[in-house]
Amino acid sequence: MQDHIHILTHVNTTISIAALVKDIKLASSDFIMREAVFPSFKGWQDGYGAFSESIKSKDRLIQYIKNQEDHHQKVTFLDEYTALLEEHEIGFDPKYLL
C-alpha cells in the first residue's frame, strides 16, 4: 500500500498502544531513511488508527491484510476507515483524516 500499512500484533497489557506505535514509527523511519528504502519518504503522519480483535479473528485478519492491494482497488482507504469509525460510533473530525 502506498499510503498506509497494517500491522497485526499481540501486545502485552503492560504496553500502551501509543508507546508501541511511537516505537514502530521511530525505528521504521530510521531504517527507511538510513537504507533509502523509499527515497521520497519524509516521515509518518502524526496520527494512527488501532483496533483490537479477539485472537479467534487472527486468521481472518491475516487474510484481510494479505488482500489489501486488491481490496483497495474497490474501496479507498479513506472510505473504509471512515465507515469503520462510523460503524463503531467513534467520533472524528474529517480534517484529521487527510
PDB file of N, CA and C in Angstrom:
ATOM      1  N   MET A   1       0.844  -1.172   0.000  1.00  0.00           N
ATOM      2  CA  MET A   1       0.000   0.000   0.000  1.00  0.00           C
ATOM      3  C   MET A   1       0.890   1.236   0.000  1.00  0.00           C
ATOM      4  N   GLN A   2       0.471   2.226  -0.723  1.00  0.00           N
ATOM      5  CA  GLN A   2       1.294   3.416  -0.846  1.00  0.00           C
ATOM      6  C   GLN A   2       1.051   4.445   0.248  1.00  0.00           C
ATOM      7  N   ASP A   3      -0.109   4.394   0.914  1.00  0.00           N
ATOM      8  CA  ASP A   3      -0.391   5.461   1.862  1.00  0.00           C
ATOM      9  C   ASP A   3      -0.658   4.995   3.284  1.00  0.00           C
ATOM     10  N   HIS A   4      -0.560   3.707   3.533  1.00  0.00           N
ATOM     11  CA  HIS A   4      -0.745   3.214   4.894  1.00  0.00           C
ATOM     12  C   HIS A   4      -0.250   1.774   5.012  1.00  0.00           C
ATOM     13  N   ILE A   5      -0.100   1.334   6.242  1.00  0.00           N
ATOM     14  CA  ILE A   5       0.296  -0.051   6.486  1.00  0.00           C
ATOM     15  C   ILE A   5      -0.658  -0.670   7.516  1.00  0.00           C
ATOM     16  N   HIS A   6      -0.711  -1.976   7.504  1.00  0.00           N
ATOM     17  CA  HIS A   6      -1.477  -2.720   8.501  1.00  0.00           C
ATOM     18  C   HIS A   6      -0.478  -3.562   9.294  1.00  0.00           C
ATOM     19  N   ILE A   7      -0.652  -3.588  10.595  1.00  0.00           N
ATOM     20  CA  ILE A   7       0.191  -4.417  11.449  1.00  0.00           C
ATOM     21  C   ILE A   7      -0.734  -5.228  12.345  1.00  0.00           C
ATOM     22  N   LEU A   8      -0.555  -6.526  12.338  1.00  0.00           N
ATOM     23  CA  LEU A   8      -1.297  -7.407  13.237  1.00  0.00           C
ATOM     24  C   LEU A   8      -0.302  -7.892  14.278  1.00  0.00           C
ATOM     25  N   THR A   9      -0.580  -7.615  15.534  1.00  0.00           N
ATOM     26  CA  THR A   9       0.348  -7.991  16.591  1.00  0.00           C
ATOM     27  C   THR A   9      -0.401  -8.289  17.872  1.00  0.00           C
ATOM     28  N   HIS A  10       0.244  -8.995  18.736  1.00  0.00           N
ATOM     29  CA  HIS A  10      -0.244  -9.217  20.099  1.00  0.00           C
ATOM     30  C   HIS A  10       0.538  -8.256  20.979  1.00  0.00           C
ATOM     31  N   VAL A  11      -0.148  -7.530  21.826  1.00  0.00           N
ATOM     32  CA  VAL A  11       0.512  -6.552  22.684  1.00  0.00           C
ATOM     33  C   VAL A  11       0.258  -6.917  24.139  1.00  0.00           C
ATOM     34  N   ASN A  12       1.314  -6.989  24.899  1.00  0.00           N
ATOM     35  CA  ASN A  12       1.185  -7.242  26.329  1.00  0.00           C
ATOM     36  C   ASN A  12       0.409  -6.093  26.974  1.00  0.00           C
ATOM     37  N   THR A  13      -0.374  -6.402  27.968  1.00  0.00           N
ATOM     38  CA  THR A  13      -1.211  -5.380  28.612  1.00  0.00           C
ATOM     39  C   THR A  13      -0.394  -4.303  29.320  1.00  0.00           C
ATOM     40  N   THR A  14       0.894  -4.520  29.503  1.00  0.00           N
ATOM     41  CA  THR A  14       1.736  -3.514  30.153  1.00  0.00           C
ATOM     42  C   THR A  14       2.235  -2.452  29.174  1.00  0.00           C
ATOM     43  N   ILE A  15       1.975  -2.652  27.894  1.00  0.00           N
ATOM     44  CA  ILE A  15       2.451  -1.720  26.864  1.00  0.00           C
ATOM     45  C   ILE A  15       1.260  -0.969  26.276  1.00  0.00           C
ATOM     46  N   SER A  16       1.351   0.349  26.259  1.00  0.00           N
ATOM     47  CA  SER A  16       0.265   1.128  25.665  1.00  0.00           C
ATOM     48  C   SER A  16       0.380   1.099  24.143  1.00  0.00           C
ATOM     49  N   ILE A  17      -0.755   1.199  23.485  1.00  0.00           N
ATOM     50  CA  ILE A  17      -0.768   1.235  22.015  1.00  0.00           C
ATOM     51  C   ILE A  17       0.028   2.447  21.529  1.00  0.00           C
ATOM     52  N   ALA A  18      -0.144   3.588  22.192  1.00  0.00           N
ATOM     53  CA  ALA A  18       0.585   4.804  21.797  1.00  0.00           C
ATOM     54  C   ALA A  18       2.097   4.577  21.851  1.00  0.00           C
ATOM     55  N   ALA A  19       2.580   3.930  22.899  1.00  0.00           N
ATOM     56  CA  ALA A  19       4.019   3.658  23.022  1.00  0.00           C
ATOM     57  C   ALA A  19       4.487   2.697  21.931  1.00  0.00           C
ATOM     58  N   LEU A  20       3.682   1.683  21.660  1.00  0.00           N
ATOM     59  CA  LEU A  20       4.025   0.724  20.607  1.00  0.00           C
ATOM     60  C   LEU A  20       4.122   1.412  19.246  1.00  0.00           C
ATOM     61  N   VAL A  21       3.117   2.211  18.904  1.00  0.00           N
ATOM     62  CA  VAL A  21       3.113   2.909  17.616  1.00  0.00           C
ATOM     63  C   VAL A  21       4.292   3.880  17.531  1.00  0.00           C
ATOM     64  N   LYS A  22       4.560   4.583  18.605  1.00  0.00           N
ATOM     65  CA  LYS A  22       5.706   5.508  18.619  1.00  0.00           C
ATOM     66  C   LYS A  22       7.001   4.760  18.324  1.00  0.00           C
ATOM     67  N   ASP A  23       7.210   3.627  18.996  1.00  0.00           N
ATOM     68  CA  ASP A  23       8.431   2.843  18.774  1.00  0.00           C
ATOM     69  C   ASP A  23       8.516   2.316  17.343  1.00  0.00           C
ATOM     70  N   ILE A  24       7.390   1.855  16.810  1.00  0.00           N
ATOM     71  CA  ILE A  24       7.366   1.354  15.428  1.00  0.00           C
ATOM     72  C   ILE A  24       7.707   2.477  14.450  1.00  0.00           C
ATOM     73  N   LYS A  25       7.106   3.647  14.656  1.00  0.00           N
ATOM     74  CA  LYS A  25       7.363   4.772  13.748  1.00  0.00           C
ATOM     75  C   LYS A  25       8.817   5.238  13.826  1.00  0.00           C
ATOM     76  N   LEU A  26       9.354   5.349  15.037  1.00  0.00           N
ATOM     77  CA  LEU A  26      10.743   5.796  15.182  1.00  0.00           C
ATOM     78  C   LEU A  26      11.716   4.811  14.544  1.00  0.00           C
ATOM     79  N   ALA A  27      11.571   3.536  14.856  1.00  0.00           N
ATOM     80  CA  ALA A  27      12.501   2.530  14.330  1.00  0.00           C
ATOM     81  C   ALA A  27      12.378   2.377  12.816  1.00  0.00           C
ATOM     82  N   SER A  28      11.136   2.364  12.314  1.00  0.00           N
ATOM     83  CA  SER A  28      10.966   2.181  10.871  1.00  0.00           C
ATOM     84  C   SER A  28      11.413   3.417  10.095  1.00  0.00           C
ATOM     85  N   SER A  29      11.163   4.606  10.635  1.00  0.00           N
ATOM     86  CA  SER A  29      11.638   5.834   9.968  1.00  0.00           C
ATOM     87  C   SER A  29      13.153   5.828   9.858  1.00  0.00           C
ATOM     88  N   ASP A  30      13.810   5.481  10.950  1.00  0.00           N
ATOM     89  CA  ASP A  30      15.269   5.416  10.949  1.00  0.00           C
ATOM     90  C   ASP A  30      15.769   4.432   9.891  1.00  0.00           C
ATOM     91  N   PHE A  31      15.182   3.245   9.843  1.00  0.00           N
ATOM     92  CA  PHE A  31      15.589   2.225   8.876  1.00  0.00           C
ATOM     93  C   PHE A  31      15.320   2.679   7.442  1.00  0.00           C
ATOM     94  N   ILE A  32      14.123   3.187   7.186  1.00  0.00           N
ATOM     95  CA  ILE A  32      13.745   3.610   5.829  1.00  0.00           C
ATOM     96  C   ILE A  32      14.681   4.696   5.318  1.00  0.00           C
ATOM     97  N   MET A  33      14.991   5.670   6.158  1.00  0.00           N
ATOM     98  CA  MET A  33      15.860   6.775   5.726  1.00  0.00           C
ATOM     99  C   MET A  33      17.324   6.341   5.625  1.00  0.00           C
ATOM    100  N   ARG A  34      17.782   5.554   6.580  1.00  0.00           N
ATOM    101  CA  ARG A  34      19.177   5.098   6.568  1.00  0.00           C
ATOM    102  C   ARG A  34      19.461   4.195   5.371  1.00  0.00           C
ATOM    103  N   GLU A  35      18.524   3.322   5.045  1.00  0.00           N
ATOM    104  CA  GLU A  35      18.700   2.375   3.953  1.00  0.00           C
ATOM    105  C   GLU A  35      18.155   2.890   2.618  1.00  0.00           C
ATOM    106  N   ALA A  36      17.551   4.072   2.623  1.00  0.00           N
ATOM    107  CA  ALA A  36      16.953   4.670   1.413  1.00  0.00           C
ATOM    108  C   ALA A  36      15.988   3.699   0.739  1.00  0.00           C
ATOM    109  N   VAL A  37      15.183   3.037   1.548  1.00  0.00           N
ATOM    110  CA  VAL A  37      14.220   2.064   1.036  1.00  0.00           C
ATOM    111  C   VAL A  37      13.175   2.753   0.160  1.00  0.00           C
ATOM    112  N   PHE A  38      12.676   3.880   0.628  1.00  0.00           N
ATOM    113  CA  PHE A  38      11.703   4.690  -0.112  1.00  0.00           C
ATOM    114  C   PHE A  38      12.275   6.101  -0.197  1.00  0.00           C
ATOM    115  N   PRO A  39      12.924   6.436  -1.290  1.00  0.00           N
ATOM    116  CA  PRO A  39      13.618   7.725  -1.399  1.00  0.00           C
ATOM    117  C   PRO A  39      12.741   8.955  -1.129  1.00  0.00           C
ATOM    118  N   SER A  40      11.451   8.861  -1.428  1.00  0.00           N
ATOM    119  CA  SER A  40      10.591  10.035  -1.223  1.00  0.00           C
ATOM    120  C   SER A  40       9.944  10.071   0.167  1.00  0.00           C
ATOM    121  N   PHE A  41      10.271   9.111   1.023  1.00  0.00           N
ATOM    122  CA  PHE A  41       9.695   9.049   2.368  1.00  0.00           C
ATOM    123  C   PHE A  41      10.169  10.237   3.203  1.00  0.00           C
ATOM    124  N   LYS A  42       9.210  10.963   3.770  1.00  0.00           N
ATOM    125  CA  LYS A  42       9.534  12.137   4.591  1.00  0.00           C
ATOM    126  C   LYS A  42       9.160  11.926   6.056  1.00  0.00           C
ATOM    127  N   GLY A  43       8.581  10.794   6.365  1.00  0.00           N
ATOM    128  CA  GLY A  43       8.178  10.502   7.740  1.00  0.00           C
ATOM    129  C   GLY A  43       6.718  10.102   7.805  1.00  0.00           C
ATOM    130  N   TRP A  44       6.341   9.542   8.940  1.00  0.00           N
ATOM    131  CA  TRP A  44       4.966   9.105   9.147  1.00  0.00           C
ATOM    132  C   TRP A  44       4.080  10.276   9.525  1.00  0.00           C
ATOM    133  N   GLN A  45       2.793  10.119   9.289  1.00  0.00           N
ATOM    134  CA  GLN A  45       1.839  11.139   9.727  1.00  0.00           C
ATOM    135  C   GLN A  45       1.801  11.139  11.250  1.00  0.00           C
ATOM    136  N   ASP A  46       1.199  12.178  11.836  1.00  0.00           N
ATOM    137  CA  ASP A  46       1.138  12.284  13.290  1.00  0.00           C
ATOM    138  C   ASP A  46       0.224  11.243  13.924  1.00  0.00           C
ATOM    139  N   GLY A  47      -0.881  10.920  13.294  1.00  0.00           N
ATOM    140  CA  GLY A  47      -1.867  10.041  13.913  1.00  0.00           C
ATOM    141  C   GLY A  47      -1.737   8.588  13.509  1.00  0.00           C
ATOM    142  N   TYR A  48      -2.657   7.790  14.012  1.00  0.00           N
ATOM    143  CA  TYR A  48      -2.731   6.378  13.665  1.00  0.00           C
ATOM    144  C   TYR A  48      -4.111   5.866  14.062  1.00  0.00           C
ATOM    145  N   GLY A  49      -4.464   4.717  13.542  1.00  0.00           N
ATOM    146  CA  GLY A  49      -5.692   4.041  13.952  1.00  0.00           C
ATOM    147  C   GLY A  49      -5.325   2.690  14.519  1.00  0.00           C
ATOM    148  N   ALA A  50      -5.996   2.296  15.589  1.00  0.00           N
ATOM    149  CA  ALA A  50      -5.732   0.995  16.197  1.00  0.00           C
ATOM    150  C   ALA A  50      -7.057   0.359  16.586  1.00  0.00           C
ATOM    151  N   PHE A  51      -7.184  -0.913  16.283  1.00  0.00           N
ATOM    152  CA  PHE A  51      -8.399  -1.653  16.589  1.00  0.00           C
ATOM    153  C   PHE A  51      -8.009  -2.951  17.264  1.00  0.00           C
ATOM    154  N   SER A  52      -8.766  -3.347  18.249  1.00  0.00           N
ATOM    155  CA  SER A  52      -8.493  -4.628  18.908  1.00  0.00           C
ATOM    156  C   SER A  52      -9.500  -5.666  18.426  1.00  0.00           C
ATOM    157  N   GLU A  53      -9.038  -6.888  18.379  1.00  0.00           N
ATOM    158  CA  GLU A  53      -9.860  -8.014  17.929  1.00  0.00           C
ATOM    159  C   GLU A  53      -9.565  -9.216  18.813  1.00  0.00           C
ATOM    160  N   SER A  54     -10.462 -10.156  18.806  1.00  0.00           N
ATOM    161  CA  SER A  54     -10.270 -11.412  19.514  1.00  0.00           C
ATOM    162  C   SER A  54      -9.209 -12.237  18.791  1.00  0.00           C
ATOM    163  N   ILE A  55      -8.459 -13.019  19.547  1.00  0.00           N
ATOM    164  CA  ILE A  55      -7.471 -13.908  18.941  1.00  0.00           C
ATOM    165  C   ILE A  55      -8.144 -14.883  17.967  1.00  0.00           C
ATOM    166  N   LYS A  56      -9.421 -15.138  18.168  1.00  0.00           N
ATOM    167  CA  LYS A  56     -10.169 -16.012  17.269  1.00  0.00           C
ATOM    168  C   LYS A  56     -10.273 -15.424  15.859  1.00  0.00           C
ATOM    169  N   SER A  57     -10.067 -14.119  15.727  1.00  0.00           N
ATOM    170  CA  SER A  57     -10.156 -13.446  14.428  1.00  0.00           C
ATOM    171  C   SER A  57      -8.827 -13.429  13.677  1.00  0.00           C
ATOM    172  N   LYS A  58      -7.790 -14.002  14.265  1.00  0.00           N
ATOM    173  CA  LYS A  58      -6.448 -13.902  13.697  1.00  0.00           C
ATOM    174  C   LYS A  58      -6.370 -14.336  12.233  1.00  0.00           C
ATOM    175  N   ASP A  59      -6.875 -15.505  11.902  1.00  0.00           N
ATOM    176  CA  ASP A  59      -6.772 -15.995  10.524  1.00  0.00           C
ATOM    177  C   ASP A  59      -7.523 -15.097   9.544  1.00  0.00           C
ATOM    178  N   ARG A  60      -8.697 -14.631   9.938  1.00  0.00           N
ATOM    179  CA  ARG A  60      -9.480 -13.721   9.087  1.00  0.00           C
ATOM    180  C   ARG A  60      -8.726 -12.407   8.881  1.00  0.00           C
ATOM    181  N   LEU A  61      -8.105 -11.886   9.931  1.00  0.00           N
ATOM    182  CA  LEU A  61      -7.356 -10.635   9.826  1.00  0.00           C
ATOM    183  C   LEU A  61      -6.118 -10.784   8.949  1.00  0.00           C
ATOM    184  N   ILE A  62      -5.454 -11.911   9.051  1.00  0.00           N
ATOM    185  CA  ILE A  62      -4.283 -12.165   8.198  1.00  0.00           C
ATOM    186  C   ILE A  62      -4.701 -12.140   6.730  1.00  0.00           C
ATOM    187  N   GLN A  63      -5.799 -12.792   6.405  1.00  0.00           N
ATOM    188  CA  GLN A  63      -6.288 -12.786   5.019  1.00  0.00           C
ATOM    189  C   GLN A  63      -6.681 -11.378   4.584  1.00  0.00           C
ATOM    190  N   TYR A  64      -7.333 -10.641   5.472  1.00  0.00           N
ATOM    191  CA  TYR A  64      -7.722  -9.260   5.182  1.00  0.00           C
ATOM    192  C   TYR A  64      -6.495  -8.420   4.834  1.00  0.00           C
ATOM    193  N   ILE A  65      -5.446  -8.544   5.632  1.00  0.00           N
ATOM    194  CA  ILE A  65      -4.226  -7.774   5.393  1.00  0.00           C
ATOM    195  C   ILE A  65      -3.553  -8.217   4.092  1.00  0.00           C
ATOM    196  N   LYS A  66      -3.494  -9.509   3.857  1.00  0.00           N
ATOM    197  CA  LYS A  66      -2.876 -10.014   2.620  1.00  0.00           C
ATOM    198  C   LYS A  66      -3.592  -9.509   1.367  1.00  0.00           C
ATOM    199  N   ASN A  67      -4.882  -9.263   1.466  1.00  0.00           N
ATOM    200  CA  ASN A  67      -5.677  -8.851   0.306  1.00  0.00           C
ATOM    201  C   ASN A  67      -5.855  -7.342   0.172  1.00  0.00           C
ATOM    202  N   GLN A  68      -5.070  -6.557   0.883  1.00  0.00           N
ATOM    203  CA  GLN A  68      -5.257  -5.106   0.869  1.00  0.00           C
ATOM    204  C   GLN A  68      -5.114  -4.471  -0.510  1.00  0.00           C
ATOM    205  N   GLU A  69      -4.152  -4.889  -1.275  1.00  0.00           N
ATOM    206  CA  GLU A  69      -3.946  -4.267  -2.589  1.00  0.00           C
ATOM    207  C   GLU A  69      -5.186  -4.447  -3.465  1.00  0.00           C
ATOM    208  N   ASP A  70      -5.711  -5.663  -3.517  1.00  0.00           N
ATOM    209  CA  ASP A  70      -6.933  -5.912  -4.292  1.00  0.00           C
ATOM    210  C   ASP A  70      -8.129  -5.199  -3.674  1.00  0.00           C
ATOM    211  N   HIS A  71      -8.221  -5.253  -2.367  1.00  0.00           N
ATOM    212  CA  HIS A  71      -9.352  -4.645  -1.658  1.00  0.00           C
ATOM    213  C   HIS A  71      -9.451  -3.149  -1.951  1.00  0.00           C
ATOM    214  N   HIS A  72      -8.309  -2.461  -1.925  1.00  0.00           N
ATOM    215  CA  HIS A  72      -8.326  -1.010  -2.130  1.00  0.00           C
ATOM    216  C   HIS A  72      -8.480  -0.604  -3.596  1.00  0.00           C
ATOM    217  N   GLN A  73      -8.560  -1.580  -4.473  1.00  0.00           N
ATOM    218  CA  GLN A  73      -8.952  -1.289  -5.852  1.00  0.00           C
ATOM    219  C   GLN A  73     -10.451  -1.010  -5.903  1.00  0.00           C
ATOM    220  N   LYS A  74     -11.187  -1.567  -4.924  1.00  0.00           N
ATOM    221  CA  LYS A  74     -12.648  -1.436  -4.878  1.00  0.00           C
ATOM    222  C   LYS A  74     -13.107  -0.380  -3.881  1.00  0.00           C
ATOM    223  N   VAL A  75     -12.412  -0.274  -2.763  1.00  0.00           N
ATOM    224  CA  VAL A  75     -12.790   0.652  -1.695  1.00  0.00           C
ATOM    225  C   VAL A  75     -11.541   1.419  -1.276  1.00  0.00           C
ATOM    226  N   THR A  76     -11.609   2.740  -1.261  1.00  0.00           N
ATOM    227  CA  THR A  76     -10.435   3.515  -0.854  1.00  0.00           C
ATOM    228  C   THR A  76     -10.200   3.357   0.641  1.00  0.00           C
ATOM    229  N   PHE A  77      -8.965   3.578   1.040  1.00  0.00           N
ATOM    230  CA  PHE A  77      -8.633   3.518   2.461  1.00  0.00           C
ATOM    231  C   PHE A  77      -9.488   4.497   3.246  1.00  0.00           C
ATOM    232  N   LEU A  78      -9.598   5.726   2.755  1.00  0.00           N
ATOM    233  CA  LEU A  78     -10.355   6.754   3.469  1.00  0.00           C
ATOM    234  C   LEU A  78     -11.818   6.361   3.634  1.00  0.00           C
ATOM    235  N   ASP A  79     -12.434   5.839   2.591  1.00  0.00           N
ATOM    236  CA  ASP A  79     -13.832   5.393   2.687  1.00  0.00           C
ATOM    237  C   ASP A  79     -13.977   4.247   3.690  1.00  0.00           C
ATOM    238  N   GLU A  80     -13.059   3.309   3.646  1.00  0.00           N
ATOM    239  CA  GLU A  80     -13.136   2.176   4.561  1.00  0.00           C
ATOM    240  C   GLU A  80     -12.917   2.622   6.010  1.00  0.00           C
ATOM    241  N   TYR A  81     -11.931   3.463   6.227  1.00  0.00           N
ATOM    242  CA  TYR A  81     -11.618   3.926   7.580  1.00  0.00           C
ATOM    243  C   TYR A  81     -12.772   4.738   8.160  1.00  0.00           C
ATOM    244  N   THR A  82     -13.338   5.618   7.354  1.00  0.00           N
ATOM    245  CA  THR A  82     -14.482   6.411   7.792  1.00  0.00           C
ATOM    246  C   THR A  82     -15.662   5.508   8.149  1.00  0.00           C
ATOM    247  N   ALA A  83     -15.910   4.503   7.335  1.00  0.00           N
ATOM    248  CA  ALA A  83     -17.008   3.569   7.600  1.00  0.00           C
ATOM    249  C   ALA A  83     -16.779   2.811   8.916  1.00  0.00           C
ATOM    250  N   LEU A  84     -15.533   2.411   9.177  1.00  0.00           N
ATOM    251  CA  LEU A  84     -15.219   1.728  10.437  1.00  0.00           C
ATOM    252  C   LEU A  84     -15.479   2.639  11.632  1.00  0.00           C
ATOM    253  N   LEU A  85     -15.032   3.872  11.531  1.00  0.00           N
ATOM    254  CA  LEU A  85     -15.255   4.816  12.626  1.00  0.00           C
ATOM    255  C   LEU A  85     -16.746   5.028  12.874  1.00  0.00           C
ATOM    256  N   GLU A  86     -17.494   5.203  11.806  1.00  0.00           N
ATOM    257  CA  GLU A  86     -18.939   5.417  11.932  1.00  0.00           C
ATOM    258  C   GLU A  86     -19.639   4.170  12.470  1.00  0.00           C
ATOM    259  N   GLU A  87     -19.252   3.000  11.965  1.00  0.00           N
ATOM    260  CA  GLU A  87     -19.868   1.743  12.406  1.00  0.00           C
ATOM    261  C   GLU A  87     -19.709   1.528  13.906  1.00  0.00           C
ATOM    262  N   HIS A  88     -18.558   1.923  14.432  1.00  0.00           N
ATOM    263  CA  HIS A  88     -18.281   1.723  15.850  1.00  0.00           C
ATOM    264  C   HIS A  88     -18.546   2.974  16.675  1.00  0.00           C
ATOM    265  N   GLU A  89     -19.236   3.940  16.038  1.00  0.00           N
ATOM    266  CA  GLU A  89     -19.663   5.183  16.700  1.00  0.00           C
ATOM    267  C   GLU A  89     -18.505   5.914  17.368  1.00  0.00           C
ATOM    268  N   ILE A  90     -17.406   6.003  16.628  1.00  0.00           N
ATOM    269  CA  ILE A  90     -16.226   6.721  17.097  1.00  0.00           C
ATOM    270  C   ILE A  90     -16.257   8.112  16.470  1.00  0.00           C
ATOM    271  N   GLY A  91     -16.344   9.129  17.311  1.00  0.00           N
ATOM    272  CA  GLY A  91     -16.378  10.499  16.806  1.00  0.00           C
ATOM    273  C   GLY A  91     -15.042  10.891  16.194  1.00  0.00           C
ATOM    274  N   PHE A  92     -15.114  11.668  15.129  1.00  0.00           N
ATOM    275  CA  PHE A  92     -13.887  12.119  14.462  1.00  0.00           C
ATOM    276  C   PHE A  92     -14.161  13.405  13.692  1.00  0.00           C
ATOM    277  N   ASP A  93     -13.102  14.137  13.445  1.00  0.00           N
ATOM    278  CA  ASP A  93     -13.162  15.336  12.629  1.00  0.00           C
ATOM    279  C   ASP A  93     -12.526  14.976  11.292  1.00  0.00           C
ATOM    280  N   PRO A  94     -13.290  15.039  10.194  1.00  0.00           N
ATOM    281  CA  PRO A  94     -12.751  14.638   8.872  1.00  0.00           C
ATOM    282  C   PRO A  94     -11.449  15.344   8.482  1.00  0.00           C
ATOM    283  N   LYS A  95     -11.213  16.541   9.002  1.00  0.00           N
ATOM    284  CA  LYS A  95      -9.977  17.251   8.623  1.00  0.00           C
ATOM    285  C   LYS A  95      -8.722  16.510   9.072  1.00  0.00           C
ATOM    286  N   TYR A  96      -8.865  15.635  10.087  1.00  0.00           N
ATOM    287  CA  TYR A  96      -7.714  14.883  10.571  1.00  0.00           C
ATOM    288  C   TYR A  96      -7.504  13.564   9.829  1.00  0.00           C
ATOM    289  N   LEU A  97      -8.361  13.277   8.882  1.00  0.00           N
ATOM    290  CA  LEU A  97      -8.246  12.028   8.138  1.00  0.00           C
ATOM    291  C   LEU A  97      -7.481  12.199   6.821  1.00  0.00           C
ATOM    292  N   LEU A  98      -7.071  13.372   6.512  1.00  0.00           N
ATOM    293  CA  LEU A  98      -6.362  13.609   5.248  1.00  0.00           C
ATOM    294  C   LEU A  98      -4.889  13.398   5.365  1.00  0.00           C
TER     295      LEU A  98
END
